[in-house]
């Protein structure tokens, strides 16, 4: 067991029979016990993280890393928001669609989410035009709008991943499909796919 620790720092002495042994003071022994306890705690934490990831992969409807940013829909009478499309404030998050909620984790190994959104609060889901990040990387985008006006914009380099999220959210949130074409776009351009909860739109 002692070989697992920093043996160079331990006081080795030779006994009368030629065997080497370690002599520790009470303080050194307590420090060694504390180090053992820390290792056991870390092992337990890592085990809990692995079990959590395994549970997500087995039971979640959908999960994966996406870049996200949040915006608020202006209230009636408020001026339209400033166009900040080019602002690169996307943050990577591990998103989990499980049960009746969308959970937002900083990392897939985190035991608790940073935030969550109830699916019953989602009134609109739609694709967005693709963007080019500052590093030149192309990303496909969509957004989730809640009844409270919170707009969660999500992006990924994978078009298939974005389609999977749109399809899953459309089904789980029970939204109706409404094809629409962006302003200034011709019918030959890609449509923006929109799903809305019509009973919630004022």
Foldseek 3Di string as FASTA:
>chain_A
DVVVDDVVPFDWDADPVRDIDTDDDPVRVVVVVVVVVVVVVVVVLQVLLVVQLVCQVVAFPDKDKWWKDKDFADDPPDDGDDPPVQPPPTAIWIWTHGDQKIFTCNDSSDPHGPDMDGLLQWFKKKWDDWDQHPVRQIKTKIWTAGLRRMIMIIIDSDPVSVVSVRVVSCVSSVWQWDWDQDPPDDPPDDIMIMTGNVVSDD
